[in-house]
């Protein structure tokens, strides 16, 4: 395989296939409610990414039961990761967050993945996760939505935080030993190939555990949707997106695991999504190009550990 696949990593770690189980909490984001901003990210809809999730009114244990029974039966799975997915899942009072963690226990669970924003990482919350982990023995991964290291683009999409908040969050999380997954969008209209490569380099030097890549989709009834309809920007072609993914993978350290290289969204909610092409077809085209050209994840990752000093070292030392 041309890149380190998440499914393979999970199977190697747990001895069998592991599936993520989405948990939908009644949360929002700090740049929606006026704390850090209003309106949210320009690409984000009122439901976030919760298109196919259970209602937030359903108790966490019931969500776990229903989803595990369905996915377990459909895929003959026995091990699962609880996935707090939609919006910012640490953006709540600390005591409420502890109560949420206390409800996440179920037969077959091996871990939790908590999706949140860099500006929603705080030492007290990390300590709460650490205490919960000590009680349950579950593995912990915190998923941070960065989208791009280009802080000009972050401002343009009303992200509500910059690059420094992301770096602060990563360094704090690492002190607790939790795994980290960073989400990146490789075809934001204000980013170019240089930004894509720099994203890969940043992830490598930070020794990121996992990466989740997205192709930007334009959702109806959003600010970005209105900008798109008004012709204020154009989307890059499918071929250029594939080129960007390949470049990202080549510059990314070979040990970083890729959770996905493209996502999907229901057609009824979008004005633009994946060039009207199925996500798996784009995925397969990317892999085919890499295999045909003999390319691999990390084959251009030669920029760490004082690259300029290589001229003074033997090949073995370098």
Protein backbone atom coordinates (compact mmCIF):
# COMPACT_ATOMS: atom_id res chain seq x y z
CA UNK A 1 0.00 0.00 0.00
CA UNK A 2 1.23 3.49 -0.88
CA UNK A 3 0.43 4.88 2.57
CA UNK A 4 -0.05 3.80 6.20
CA UNK A 5 -3.72 2.79 6.47
CA UNK A 6 -5.68 3.31 9.67
CA UNK A 7 -7.66 0.09 9.30
CA UNK A 8 -4.43 -1.92 9.06
CA UNK A 9 -3.00 -0.16 12.12
CA UNK A 10 -6.09 -0.92 14.20
CA UNK A 11 -6.14 -4.54 13.12
CA UNK A 12 -2.48 -4.96 14.01
CA UNK A 13 -2.98 -3.26 17.39
CA UNK A 14 -6.17 -5.04 18.47
CA UNK A 15 -5.89 -8.30 16.53
CA UNK A 16 -9.08 -7.77 14.52
CA UNK A 17 -11.12 -5.10 12.75
CA UNK A 18 -12.18 -2.14 14.88
CA UNK A 19 -15.00 0.26 14.01
CA UNK A 20 -15.70 3.78 15.20
CA UNK A 21 -19.10 4.29 16.83
CA UNK A 22 -20.39 7.89 16.50
CA UNK A 23 -21.77 9.56 19.63
CA UNK A 24 -23.72 12.77 19.09
CA UNK A 25 -23.60 15.24 21.99
CA UNK A 26 -25.66 18.46 22.36
CA UNK A 27 -22.61 20.71 21.94
CA UNK A 28 -21.65 23.67 19.78
CA UNK A 29 -18.43 25.62 19.07
CA UNK A 30 -16.97 28.77 20.63
CA UNK A 31 -16.97 30.65 17.34
CA UNK A 32 -20.69 30.00 16.98
CA UNK A 33 -22.02 31.19 20.31
CA UNK A 34 -20.06 34.47 20.50
CA UNK A 35 -17.33 33.25 22.87
CA UNK A 36 -14.60 33.45 20.21
CA UNK A 37 -16.72 34.54 17.27
CA UNK A 38 -20.07 34.18 15.58
CA UNK A 39 -21.29 32.37 12.50
CA UNK A 40 -18.92 29.43 12.81
CA UNK A 41 -16.53 28.33 10.08
CA UNK A 42 -17.78 29.58 6.73
CA UNK A 43 -18.00 26.01 5.37
CA UNK A 44 -19.85 24.52 8.36
CA UNK A 45 -23.60 23.99 8.32
CA UNK A 46 -26.01 24.28 11.25
CA UNK A 47 -25.78 20.52 11.80
CA UNK A 48 -21.99 20.44 11.52
CA UNK A 49 -21.12 17.03 10.13
CA UNK A 50 -23.95 15.26 11.93
CA UNK A 51 -25.83 14.17 8.83
CA UNK A 52 -26.08 10.48 9.66
CA UNK A 53 -25.91 10.54 13.45
CA UNK A 54 -28.48 9.72 16.10
CA UNK A 55 -30.36 12.52 17.83
CA UNK A 56 -28.52 14.28 20.65
CA UNK A 57 -31.52 13.67 22.92
CA UNK A 58 -30.79 9.94 22.92
CA UNK A 59 -28.80 8.89 25.99
CA UNK A 60 -25.14 8.08 25.35
CA UNK A 61 -25.57 4.47 26.50
CA UNK A 62 -28.50 4.04 24.14
CA UNK A 63 -26.52 5.53 21.25
CA UNK A 64 -23.68 3.13 22.00
CA UNK A 65 -26.05 0.17 22.22
CA UNK A 66 -27.92 0.97 19.01
CA UNK A 67 -24.83 1.76 16.93
CA UNK A 68 -22.76 -1.14 18.24
CA UNK A 69 -25.58 -3.62 17.62
CA UNK A 70 -26.08 -2.32 14.08
CA UNK A 71 -22.41 -2.09 13.08
CA UNK A 72 -21.46 -5.26 14.94
CA UNK A 73 -24.11 -7.27 13.11
CA UNK A 74 -23.47 -5.69 9.70
CA UNK A 75 -19.68 -6.05 9.75
CA UNK A 76 -19.33 -8.93 12.23
CA UNK A 77 -17.31 -6.63 14.47
CA UNK A 78 -16.49 -7.16 18.12
CA UNK A 79 -14.31 -4.17 19.00
CA UNK A 80 -15.22 -0.51 18.79
CA UNK A 81 -14.02 3.04 19.43
CA UNK A 82 -16.52 5.56 20.78
CA UNK A 83 -16.29 8.61 18.55
CA UNK A 84 -17.41 11.99 19.92
CA UNK A 85 -17.57 13.46 16.44
CA UNK A 86 -19.78 16.47 15.77
CA UNK A 87 -18.79 20.04 16.72
CA UNK A 88 -16.41 20.62 19.68
CA UNK A 89 -16.75 17.81 22.20
CA UNK A 90 -14.73 19.38 25.01
CA UNK A 91 -16.66 22.67 24.78
CA UNK A 92 -18.79 22.27 27.90
CA UNK A 93 -18.42 22.84 31.67
CA UNK A 94 -15.77 20.60 33.19
CA UNK A 95 -18.21 18.75 35.45
CA UNK A 96 -20.50 18.07 32.48
CA UNK A 97 -17.53 16.75 30.52
CA UNK A 98 -16.67 14.39 33.38
CA UNK A 99 -20.28 13.15 33.40
CA UNK A 100 -20.09 12.49 29.66
CA UNK A 101 -16.90 10.48 30.07
CA UNK A 102 -18.49 8.54 32.91
CA UNK A 103 -21.22 7.31 30.58
CA UNK A 104 -18.81 5.96 27.97
CA UNK A 105 -18.43 2.35 28.98
CA UNK A 106 -19.69 -0.55 26.95
CA UNK A 107 -18.78 -4.13 26.16
CA UNK A 108 -16.47 -4.25 23.19
CA UNK A 109 -15.16 -0.70 23.52
CA UNK A 110 -11.38 -0.42 23.32
CA UNK A 111 -11.00 3.33 23.10
CA UNK A 112 -12.43 6.79 22.63
CA UNK A 113 -11.79 9.42 19.98
CA UNK A 114 -12.71 12.97 20.97
CA UNK A 115 -13.12 15.51 18.18
CA UNK A 116 -12.63 19.13 19.20
CA UNK A 117 -10.95 22.45 18.42
CA UNK A 118 -7.44 23.54 19.39
CA UNK A 119 -8.85 26.38 21.51
CA UNK A 120 -10.93 23.87 23.50
CA UNK A 121 -7.96 22.01 25.01
CA UNK A 122 -7.30 22.78 28.68
CA UNK A 123 -5.18 21.10 31.34
CA UNK A 124 -8.16 20.41 33.64
CA UNK A 125 -9.98 18.58 30.84
CA UNK A 126 -6.88 16.61 29.93
CA UNK A 127 -6.51 15.57 33.57
CA UNK A 128 -10.15 14.46 33.55
CA UNK A 129 -9.50 12.30 30.49
CA UNK A 130 -6.38 10.89 32.14
CA UNK A 131 -8.36 9.92 35.26
CA UNK A 132 -11.11 8.34 33.14
CA UNK A 133 -8.52 6.40 31.16
CA UNK A 134 -6.95 5.09 34.37
CA UNK A 135 -10.38 3.80 35.44
CA UNK A 136 -11.45 2.24 32.15
CA UNK A 137 -8.19 1.21 30.50
CA UNK A 138 -9.46 2.55 27.17
CA UNK A 139 -7.10 4.10 24.65
CA UNK A 140 -7.55 7.82 23.98
CA UNK A 141 -7.20 9.80 20.75
CA UNK A 142 -7.98 13.50 20.51
CA UNK A 143 -8.90 14.73 17.04
CA UNK A 144 -8.07 18.36 16.34
CA UNK A 145 -9.63 20.29 13.49
CA UNK A 146 -6.89 22.47 12.05
CA UNK A 147 -7.85 22.41 8.33
CA UNK A 148 -4.68 24.27 7.27
CA UNK A 149 -1.50 25.66 8.78
CA UNK A 150 -2.01 28.84 6.68
CA UNK A 151 -3.22 31.26 9.34
CA UNK A 152 -4.33 33.73 6.67
CA UNK A 153 -6.70 31.09 5.32
CA UNK A 154 -7.84 30.24 8.85
CA UNK A 155 -8.89 33.85 9.27
CA UNK A 156 -10.55 33.87 5.86
CA UNK A 157 -12.78 30.91 6.76
CA UNK A 158 -13.61 32.40 10.18
CA UNK A 159 -11.95 29.52 11.96
CA UNK A 160 -11.76 31.50 15.20
CA UNK A 161 -8.22 30.41 16.06
CA UNK A 162 -4.78 30.57 14.50
CA UNK A 163 -1.82 28.25 14.18
CA UNK A 164 -0.43 29.03 17.64
CA UNK A 165 -3.53 27.69 19.40
CA UNK A 166 -3.13 24.45 17.49
CA UNK A 167 0.54 24.12 18.46
CA UNK A 168 -0.32 24.84 22.10
CA UNK A 169 -3.01 22.12 22.06
CA UNK A 170 -0.70 19.53 20.49
CA UNK A 171 2.10 20.14 22.98
CA UNK A 172 -0.29 19.91 25.95
CA UNK A 173 -1.95 16.73 24.71
CA UNK A 174 1.40 15.06 24.09
CA UNK A 175 2.41 15.61 27.72
CA UNK A 176 -0.44 13.30 28.71
CA UNK A 177 0.52 10.63 26.20
CA UNK A 178 -2.76 10.65 24.30
CA UNK A 179 -2.74 10.00 20.59
CA UNK A 180 -3.61 12.90 18.27
CA UNK A 181 -5.33 13.00 14.91
CA UNK A 182 -5.29 16.23 12.90
CA UNK A 183 -7.94 17.06 10.30
CA UNK A 184 -6.80 18.92 7.17
CA UNK A 185 -8.63 20.19 4.09
CA UNK A 186 -6.28 20.13 1.10
CA UNK A 187 -8.35 22.14 -1.37
CA UNK A 188 -9.35 25.27 0.50
CA UNK A 189 -9.63 27.99 -2.20
CA UNK A 190 -7.03 30.22 -0.55
CA UNK A 191 -4.36 27.52 -0.21
CA UNK A 192 -1.92 26.33 -2.87
CA UNK A 193 0.44 23.39 -3.27
CA UNK A 194 3.08 25.07 -1.10
CA UNK A 195 0.59 25.19 1.77
CA UNK A 196 -0.20 21.51 1.26
CA UNK A 197 3.48 20.56 1.46
CA UNK A 198 3.99 22.73 4.54
CA UNK A 199 1.00 21.03 6.17
CA UNK A 200 2.73 17.69 5.66
CA UNK A 201 6.02 18.98 7.04
CA UNK A 202 4.37 20.44 10.13
CA UNK A 203 2.57 17.16 10.85
CA UNK A 204 5.85 15.28 10.51
CA UNK A 205 7.93 17.45 12.83
CA UNK A 206 5.13 17.38 15.42
CA UNK A 207 5.22 13.57 15.22
CA UNK A 208 1.50 13.36 14.60
CA UNK A 209 -0.09 9.96 15.20
CA UNK A 210 -2.92 10.19 12.69
CA UNK A 211 -4.05 12.42 9.82
CA UNK A 212 -7.53 12.73 8.40
CA UNK A 213 -7.67 14.43 4.99
CA UNK A 214 -10.79 16.03 3.60
CA UNK A 215 -11.77 17.42 0.23
CA UNK A 216 -13.74 20.59 0.80
CA UNK A 217 -17.43 20.23 0.07
CA UNK A 218 -19.67 23.28 -0.25
CA UNK A 219 -22.73 23.01 1.97
CA UNK A 220 -26.03 24.72 1.30
CA UNK A 221 -27.09 27.65 3.49
CA UNK A 222 -23.55 28.52 4.58
CA UNK A 223 -21.47 31.64 4.02
CA UNK A 224 -19.06 29.68 1.83
CA UNK A 225 -22.03 28.32 -0.09
CA UNK A 226 -23.19 31.84 -0.82
CA UNK A 227 -19.66 32.85 -1.84
CA UNK A 228 -19.50 29.85 -4.17
CA UNK A 229 -22.83 30.65 -5.79
CA UNK A 230 -21.74 34.28 -6.24
CA UNK A 231 -18.59 33.14 -8.05
CA UNK A 232 -16.22 34.61 -5.46
CA UNK A 233 -13.90 31.62 -5.78
CA UNK A 234 -13.45 28.51 -7.89
CA UNK A 235 -12.78 24.97 -6.79
CA UNK A 236 -9.65 23.25 -8.03
CA UNK A 237 -10.10 20.26 -10.33
CA UNK A 238 -10.28 16.66 -9.16
CA UNK A 239 -6.92 16.04 -10.81
CA UNK A 240 -5.33 18.87 -8.86
CA UNK A 241 -6.81 17.57 -5.60
CA UNK A 242 -5.31 14.17 -6.33
CA UNK A 243 -1.98 15.86 -7.04
CA UNK A 244 -2.16 17.64 -3.70
CA UNK A 245 -2.93 14.45 -1.79
CA UNK A 246 0.01 12.68 -3.42
CA UNK A 247 2.35 15.58 -2.63
CA UNK A 248 1.11 15.64 0.97
CA UNK A 249 1.71 11.93 1.40
CA UNK A 250 5.17 12.05 -0.13
CA UNK A 251 6.33 14.81 2.23
CA UNK A 252 4.65 13.27 5.27
CA UNK A 253 6.76 11.12 7.60
CA UNK A 254 6.25 7.44 6.70
CA UNK A 255 5.24 6.44 10.23
CA UNK A 256 2.20 8.76 10.41
CA UNK A 257 -1.04 6.82 9.96
CA UNK A 258 -3.68 8.09 7.53
CA UNK A 259 -7.28 7.69 8.67
CA UNK A 260 -8.67 8.85 5.32
CA UNK A 261 -7.59 10.74 2.20
CA UNK A 262 -11.02 12.00 1.21
CA UNK A 263 -14.40 12.28 2.93
CA UNK A 264 -17.98 12.43 1.73
CA UNK A 265 -21.23 14.32 2.29
CA UNK A 266 -24.85 13.61 1.29
CA UNK A 267 -25.72 15.22 -2.06
CA UNK A 268 -28.94 16.76 -0.76
CA UNK A 269 -26.98 19.01 1.62
CA UNK A 270 -24.28 20.18 -0.77
CA UNK A 271 -23.69 22.50 -3.71
CA UNK A 272 -20.37 20.85 -4.46
CA UNK A 273 -18.97 17.55 -3.24
CA UNK A 274 -16.08 15.49 -4.61
CA UNK A 275 -16.53 16.63 -8.22
CA UNK A 276 -19.67 14.48 -8.48
CA UNK A 277 -17.45 11.43 -8.14
CA UNK A 278 -17.63 8.70 -5.54
CA UNK A 279 -15.04 9.05 -2.79
CA UNK A 280 -13.73 5.51 -3.32
CA UNK A 281 -13.09 6.17 -7.02
CA UNK A 282 -10.97 9.23 -6.17
CA UNK A 283 -9.19 7.21 -3.50
CA UNK A 284 -8.42 4.42 -5.97
CA UNK A 285 -7.19 6.88 -8.60
CA UNK A 286 -4.75 8.38 -6.09
CA UNK A 287 -3.40 4.98 -5.11
CA UNK A 288 -3.14 3.86 -8.74
CA UNK A 289 -1.10 6.94 -9.63
CA UNK A 290 1.28 6.37 -6.74
CA UNK A 291 1.73 2.69 -7.54
CA UNK A 292 2.23 3.34 -11.26
CA UNK A 293 4.85 6.01 -10.55
CA UNK A 294 6.56 4.10 -7.74
CA UNK A 295 5.70 6.75 -5.13
CA UNK A 296 5.36 6.14 -1.40
CA UNK A 297 4.34 8.02 1.70
CA UNK A 298 7.44 9.71 3.08
CA UNK A 299 9.70 9.37 0.05
CA UNK A 300 10.30 13.16 0.15
CA UNK A 301 10.49 13.41 3.94
CA UNK A 302 14.14 14.50 4.08
CA UNK A 303 13.84 17.85 5.85
CA UNK A 304 14.10 16.91 9.55
CA UNK A 305 17.06 16.64 11.89
CA UNK A 306 19.30 19.36 10.48
CA UNK A 307 19.10 18.61 6.76
CA UNK A 308 21.78 21.20 5.93
CA UNK A 309 24.35 19.28 7.99
CA UNK A 310 24.02 16.20 5.81
CA UNK A 311 27.00 17.27 3.67
CA UNK A 312 29.29 16.70 6.64
CA UNK A 313 28.05 13.20 7.42
CA UNK A 314 28.44 9.78 5.96
CA UNK A 315 25.35 8.13 4.53
CA UNK A 316 25.02 5.98 7.66
CA UNK A 317 25.25 9.01 9.99
CA UNK A 318 22.69 11.02 8.02
